Amino acid sequence: MKNQVPTRLLRTRKVNLQLIDIFPVPVLIMDLGMVIDGMKLTYVRNWYSCVRSINPETVLAETFLNGTDIEAAGRLTVNVQTFAIKEAVWEVYRSPGGRFNGCKAVPALKGAVAYFNIGKELRRAVGDEAGGMAGEMLAECVRGMIQAETFLYRERGFETVDDYGRYWERHYLNSCRYYSNLDRVTRLWSEYVSNYWRGANFFNRSKSCSVFSGPEGFNTVGNLSDSFHEMAAVIDFDAAGRVAGCRGGFLRAPDRVCFACGSLLPGLKGLALPHCGKKQIGKVIGGGQGCDHLVDLVSDLAKAVAAVWESKAGR
């Protein structure tokens, strides 16, 4: 009997995604590649990041990207106590016409601290290498290191995870919705991670962005799932590239107070998002009452739409 995608999948222009129980996977991929309600699957990017121990003194942070137009990786080996970078490498395995393909070490990053405020050093070290992909991959590795620190608190000089949590409460007060509403949270960070077991693996993150295109614009779907957070966003673009609608939500976060960040997404309506930098996006859904992880996800969606435009323009 011929496999068919259930008619409940992607019924509306707003791309209302639902789980479907159909196998095998190749059939699902084939059918999603067809026109669905006038929209065609045009572009996909998937990321996976991991931070793990390779010896008592060193951790390895890696990020892998696989997408319609590119396949790449970034790698940092880092001192577990100081977070000083021992080695930085980026690789591109597949790119348009092979123009970015190759592997390169970045000795200029040796000794730099894989933590907040490394941005300037990173830009100075890799610039726009591999069309900006080198910096993007290594920046994802740094984000992984910051998240992994929770399970490296002893190596970082804290006696207990409670001490580490209090340090963040003092030094990162008002940095995001959680740390701006400590009087409202019902669960401390140390309580949130109390049931975790990590072994030699300290952090995992996966992200995915998909672009559906049609005569009236684009529909995009993005999701992020990592050791601490889980969220998704759906953004509709008109033919001029402006946000026509935006919505999303959270499934996992340190506290329920974080879930309200999803309500900020409609504030992006009207923006020409593919031309907006991350700082401009952050002014709407980031900052003291927002979520930097959501900012990263929306920025990835904006870049995905920009990539589709560039492809259509033949650049």
Protein backbone atom coordinates (compact mmCIF):
# COMPACT_ATOMS: atom_id res chain seq x y z
CA MET A 1 0.00 0.00 0.00
CA LYS A 2 1.32 3.41 -0.94
CA ASN A 3 2.58 5.53 1.98
CA GLN A 4 0.80 8.83 2.37
CA VAL A 5 1.54 11.80 4.60
CA PRO A 6 -1.48 12.36 6.86
CA THR A 7 -3.62 15.26 5.71
CA ARG A 8 -3.30 16.88 9.14
CA LEU A 9 0.30 17.89 8.37
CA LEU A 10 1.00 21.58 7.57
CA ARG A 11 -2.60 22.59 6.94
CA THR A 12 -2.34 26.35 7.15
CA ARG A 13 -0.26 29.20 5.79
CA LYS A 14 1.15 29.67 9.27
CA VAL A 15 2.85 26.24 9.09
CA ASN A 16 1.18 24.58 12.06
CA LEU A 17 3.60 21.71 12.54
CA GLN A 18 2.45 18.48 14.16
CA LEU A 19 4.27 15.25 14.84
CA ILE A 20 3.53 12.52 12.36
CA ASP A 21 3.84 8.78 12.87
CA ILE A 22 4.97 7.70 9.43
CA PHE A 23 7.97 5.63 8.41
CA PRO A 24 10.32 5.14 6.74
CA VAL A 25 12.07 8.50 7.14
CA PRO A 26 12.99 8.80 3.41
CA VAL A 27 9.27 8.84 2.58
CA LEU A 28 8.75 11.70 5.01
CA ILE A 29 11.64 13.66 3.54
CA MET A 30 10.39 13.09 0.00
CA ASP A 31 6.89 14.27 0.79
CA LEU A 32 8.09 17.33 2.72
CA GLY A 33 10.06 18.28 -0.39
CA MET A 34 6.81 18.62 -2.32
CA VAL A 35 4.68 21.74 -2.38
CA ILE A 36 2.55 21.93 0.78
CA ASP A 37 -0.21 24.52 0.70
CA GLY A 38 1.76 26.49 -1.87
CA MET A 39 4.98 26.42 0.18
CA LYS A 40 8.01 24.34 -0.79
CA LEU A 41 10.77 23.17 1.51
CA THR A 42 13.73 25.19 0.23
CA TYR A 43 16.50 25.22 2.81
CA VAL A 44 17.60 23.41 5.99
CA ARG A 45 20.41 23.82 8.52
CA ASN A 46 21.14 21.58 11.52
CA TRP A 47 23.71 22.14 14.26
CA TYR A 48 25.03 19.86 16.97
CA SER A 49 27.33 21.04 19.77
CA CYS A 50 29.00 18.98 22.48
CA VAL A 51 31.44 19.64 25.34
CA ARG A 52 33.27 16.67 26.84
CA SER A 53 36.38 15.73 28.78
CA ILE A 54 39.39 14.34 26.93
CA ASN A 55 41.73 14.22 29.96
CA PRO A 56 41.71 15.59 33.54
CA GLU A 57 43.13 18.94 32.40
CA THR A 58 41.37 19.44 29.09
CA VAL A 59 37.87 19.60 27.64
CA LEU A 60 36.89 19.51 23.99
CA ALA A 61 34.12 21.73 22.62
CA GLU A 62 32.86 20.86 19.14
CA THR A 63 30.13 22.15 16.86
CA PHE A 64 28.99 20.50 13.64
CA LEU A 65 26.79 22.08 10.97
CA ASN A 66 25.04 20.20 8.20
CA GLY A 67 22.85 22.13 5.80
CA THR A 68 21.55 22.42 2.28
CA ASP A 69 24.52 24.48 1.14
CA ILE A 70 27.30 23.76 3.63
CA GLU A 71 28.82 21.22 6.02
CA ALA A 72 31.30 22.49 8.60
CA ALA A 73 32.76 22.08 12.08
CA GLY A 74 34.55 24.05 14.79
CA ARG A 75 36.73 22.65 17.55
CA LEU A 76 38.26 24.12 20.71
CA THR A 77 40.49 22.29 23.18
CA VAL A 78 40.34 24.20 26.45
CA ASN A 79 42.02 24.18 29.86
CA VAL A 80 39.39 22.92 32.29
CA GLN A 81 40.34 25.36 35.07
CA THR A 82 41.02 28.61 33.26
CA PHE A 83 39.02 28.00 30.05
CA ALA A 84 42.11 29.20 28.17
CA ILE A 85 42.10 27.90 24.61
CA LYS A 86 44.88 25.44 23.80
CA GLU A 87 43.93 24.86 20.18
CA ALA A 88 41.27 26.17 17.81
CA VAL A 89 40.42 24.60 14.45
CA TRP A 90 37.68 25.09 11.87
CA GLU A 91 36.81 22.80 8.97
CA VAL A 92 34.50 23.09 5.96
CA TYR A 93 33.69 19.80 4.27
CA ARG A 94 31.16 20.99 1.69
CA SER A 95 30.33 24.46 0.36
CA PRO A 96 28.98 26.09 -2.83
CA GLY A 97 31.45 25.24 -5.57
CA GLY A 98 33.88 24.04 -2.88
CA ARG A 99 35.13 27.61 -2.39
CA PHE A 100 35.33 27.42 1.42
CA ASN A 101 36.41 23.79 1.70
CA GLY A 102 39.41 23.06 3.88
CA CYS A 103 40.79 22.94 7.40
CA LYS A 104 42.66 25.62 9.30
CA ALA A 105 44.09 26.01 12.79
CA VAL A 106 43.74 29.41 14.47
CA PRO A 107 46.91 29.94 16.57
CA ALA A 108 45.89 33.55 17.29
CA LEU A 109 43.23 32.20 19.68
CA LYS A 110 45.71 30.24 21.80
CA GLY A 111 45.48 31.60 25.35
CA ALA A 112 42.20 33.43 24.76
CA VAL A 113 39.51 32.58 27.31
CA ALA A 114 36.53 30.67 25.91
CA TYR A 115 33.96 32.69 27.81
CA PHE A 116 31.96 35.90 27.65
CA ASN A 117 33.57 38.85 25.85
CA ILE A 118 35.75 36.76 23.53
CA GLY A 119 33.94 38.25 20.53
CA LYS A 120 36.56 40.85 19.61
CA GLU A 121 39.42 38.36 19.81
CA LEU A 122 37.45 35.88 17.74
CA ARG A 123 36.68 38.44 15.03
CA ARG A 124 40.30 39.59 14.98
CA ALA A 125 41.55 36.01 14.67
CA VAL A 126 39.27 34.68 11.92
CA GLY A 127 37.54 37.70 10.41
CA ASP A 128 35.33 36.63 7.52
CA GLU A 129 37.19 33.39 6.80
CA ALA A 130 35.10 30.73 5.05
CA GLY A 131 32.42 33.34 4.41
CA GLY A 132 32.03 33.92 8.15
CA MET A 133 31.51 30.23 8.85
CA ALA A 134 34.81 29.90 10.77
CA GLY A 135 33.77 32.49 13.33
CA GLU A 136 30.24 31.10 13.56
CA MET A 137 31.46 27.57 14.33
CA LEU A 138 33.98 28.67 16.94
CA ALA A 139 31.49 31.04 18.59
CA GLU A 140 29.08 28.11 19.00
CA CYS A 141 31.88 26.20 20.74
CA VAL A 142 32.36 29.08 23.18
CA ARG A 143 28.62 29.15 23.91
CA GLY A 144 28.88 25.46 24.71
CA MET A 145 31.74 26.09 27.14
CA ILE A 146 29.74 28.71 29.02
CA GLN A 147 26.84 26.28 29.40
CA ALA A 148 29.12 23.38 30.38
CA GLU A 149 30.62 25.38 33.25
CA THR A 150 27.75 24.31 35.51
CA PHE A 151 29.22 20.80 35.63
CA LEU A 152 32.79 22.02 35.95
CA TYR A 153 32.17 24.21 39.00
CA ARG A 154 34.83 22.49 41.14
CA GLU A 155 37.48 22.88 38.46
CA ARG A 156 36.44 26.53 38.19
CA GLY A 157 37.05 27.12 41.90
CA PHE A 158 33.58 26.72 43.48
CA GLU A 159 33.02 24.36 46.39
CA THR A 160 29.41 23.54 45.56
CA VAL A 161 26.97 24.05 42.73
CA ASP A 162 25.04 26.35 45.11
CA ASP A 163 28.12 28.59 45.35
CA TYR A 164 28.31 28.63 41.58
CA GLY A 165 24.63 29.53 41.32
CA ARG A 166 25.02 32.40 43.78
CA TYR A 167 28.01 33.68 41.79
CA TRP A 168 25.82 33.96 38.69
CA GLU A 169 23.07 35.65 40.68
CA ARG A 170 25.54 38.34 41.74
CA HIS A 171 27.54 38.84 38.55
CA TYR A 172 24.84 38.32 35.92
CA LEU A 173 21.95 40.02 37.64
CA ASN A 174 19.49 41.47 35.08
CA SER A 175 21.27 39.75 32.18
CA CYS A 176 18.20 37.74 31.10
CA ARG A 177 14.64 37.10 32.20
CA TYR A 178 15.66 34.52 34.80
CA TYR A 179 18.32 36.70 36.42
CA SER A 180 16.10 39.78 36.24
CA ASN A 181 13.31 38.08 38.19
CA LEU A 182 15.09 36.23 40.98
CA ASP A 183 12.39 37.39 43.39
CA ARG A 184 9.81 35.53 41.27
CA VAL A 185 11.62 32.31 40.35
CA THR A 186 10.38 29.15 42.04
CA ARG A 187 13.51 27.10 41.36
CA LEU A 188 17.16 27.99 41.87
CA TRP A 189 19.67 27.00 39.21
CA SER A 190 21.27 24.49 41.59
CA GLU A 191 17.86 22.88 42.09
CA TYR A 192 17.23 22.77 38.35
CA VAL A 193 20.39 20.74 37.68
CA SER A 194 20.30 18.65 40.86
CA ASN A 195 19.08 15.49 39.11
CA TYR A 196 21.57 15.58 36.24
CA TRP A 197 24.35 13.04 35.76
CA ARG A 198 27.08 13.98 33.30
CA GLY A 199 30.08 11.64 33.46
CA ALA A 200 32.58 12.92 30.88
CA ASN A 201 29.93 14.79 28.87
CA PHE A 202 29.09 18.27 30.11
CA PHE A 203 26.77 19.76 27.51
CA ASN A 204 24.84 18.93 24.33
CA ARG A 205 22.85 21.20 22.03
CA SER A 206 21.02 20.69 18.75
CA LYS A 207 19.43 23.39 16.60
CA SER A 208 17.49 23.21 13.38
CA CYS A 209 16.20 25.78 10.90
CA SER A 210 13.93 25.12 7.91
CA VAL A 211 12.74 27.55 5.24
CA PHE A 212 9.60 27.02 3.14
CA SER A 213 9.21 29.40 0.19
CA GLY A 214 6.28 30.39 -1.98
CA PRO A 215 5.00 33.23 -4.17
CA GLU A 216 3.91 35.28 -1.16
CA GLY A 217 7.07 34.95 0.92
CA PHE A 218 8.68 32.50 3.32
CA ASN A 219 7.67 30.42 6.32
CA THR A 220 10.50 29.46 8.67
CA VAL A 221 10.63 27.01 11.55
CA GLY A 222 13.43 26.84 14.11
CA ASN A 223 14.00 24.81 17.24
CA LEU A 224 16.67 24.55 19.89
CA SER A 225 17.09 21.71 22.37
CA ASP A 226 20.01 21.46 24.77
CA SER A 227 20.88 20.17 28.21
CA PHE A 228 18.96 23.00 29.90
CA HIS A 229 16.56 24.56 27.36
CA GLU A 230 14.04 23.66 24.70
CA MET A 231 12.24 26.18 22.50
CA ALA A 232 10.88 26.77 19.01
CA ALA A 233 9.96 29.72 16.80
CA VAL A 234 7.88 30.05 13.62
CA ILE A 235 8.41 33.21 11.56
CA ASP A 236 6.46 34.18 8.44
CA PHE A 237 8.00 36.62 5.96
CA ASP A 238 6.19 38.55 3.25
CA ALA A 239 7.54 38.85 -0.29
CA ALA A 240 9.54 41.94 0.70
CA GLY A 241 11.34 40.01 3.44
CA ARG A 242 9.60 41.66 6.39
CA VAL A 243 8.23 39.67 9.29
CA ALA A 244 4.51 39.16 8.75
CA GLY A 245 4.01 37.01 11.83
CA CYS A 246 6.11 35.47 14.58
CA ARG A 247 5.29 33.08 17.39
CA GLY A 248 6.94 30.41 19.50
CA GLY A 249 7.31 28.96 22.93
CA PHE A 250 9.35 27.00 25.46
CA LEU A 251 9.14 23.39 26.62
CA ARG A 252 12.12 23.40 29.02
CA ALA A 253 13.90 26.22 30.85
CA PRO A 254 15.37 26.82 34.32
CA ASP A 255 12.08 28.26 35.61
CA ARG A 256 8.55 29.02 34.44
CA VAL A 257 9.42 32.71 34.46
CA CYS A 258 11.56 32.06 31.35
CA PHE A 259 8.57 30.81 29.37
CA ALA A 260 7.17 34.33 29.06
CA CYS A 261 10.00 35.17 26.63
CA GLY A 262 7.97 33.49 23.90
CA SER A 263 5.44 36.30 24.15
CA LEU A 264 8.10 38.77 22.95
CA LEU A 265 8.35 37.21 19.49
CA PRO A 266 5.40 39.13 17.92
CA GLY A 267 7.43 42.28 18.56
CA LEU A 268 9.58 41.33 15.56
CA LYS A 269 6.67 41.95 13.19
CA GLY A 270 7.54 44.44 10.46
CA LEU A 271 11.32 44.04 10.75
CA ALA A 272 13.39 43.15 7.68
CA LEU A 273 14.94 40.40 9.75
CA PRO A 274 17.49 39.08 7.21
CA HIS A 275 19.10 42.54 7.27
CA CYS A 276 19.06 42.85 11.08
CA GLY A 277 22.10 42.12 13.20
CA LYS A 278 21.89 40.07 16.36
CA LYS A 279 22.04 43.22 18.50
CA GLN A 280 18.93 44.62 16.82
CA ILE A 281 17.10 41.33 17.32
CA GLY A 282 18.24 41.28 20.94
CA LYS A 283 16.65 44.66 21.59
CA VAL A 284 13.26 43.05 20.95
CA ILE A 285 13.54 39.54 22.41
CA GLY A 286 16.78 39.67 24.42
CA GLY A 287 18.17 41.81 27.20
CA GLY A 288 17.05 41.83 30.80
CA GLN A 289 13.55 40.52 30.11
CA GLY A 290 14.43 38.27 27.18
CA CYS A 291 16.45 35.18 26.31
CA ASP A 292 19.80 35.11 24.52
CA HIS A 293 19.21 31.53 23.35
CA LEU A 294 16.01 32.65 21.64
CA VAL A 295 17.94 35.54 20.07
CA ASP A 296 20.47 33.05 18.68
CA LEU A 297 17.70 30.88 17.22
CA VAL A 298 15.91 33.80 15.54
CA SER A 299 19.23 35.07 14.20
CA ASP A 300 19.84 31.64 12.68
CA LEU A 301 16.42 31.77 10.99
CA ALA A 302 17.20 35.22 9.60
CA LYS A 303 20.51 33.95 8.18
CA ALA A 304 18.74 30.97 6.62
CA VAL A 305 16.29 33.24 4.78
CA ALA A 306 19.18 35.46 3.69
CA ALA A 307 20.95 32.38 2.28
CA VAL A 308 17.86 31.48 0.24
CA TRP A 309 17.68 35.02 -1.16
CA GLU A 310 21.36 34.98 -2.09
CA SER A 311 20.92 31.62 -3.78
CA LYS A 312 17.99 32.91 -5.83
CA ALA A 313 20.00 35.97 -6.79
CA GLY A 314 22.77 33.68 -8.04
CA ARG A 315 25.41 35.13 -5.76
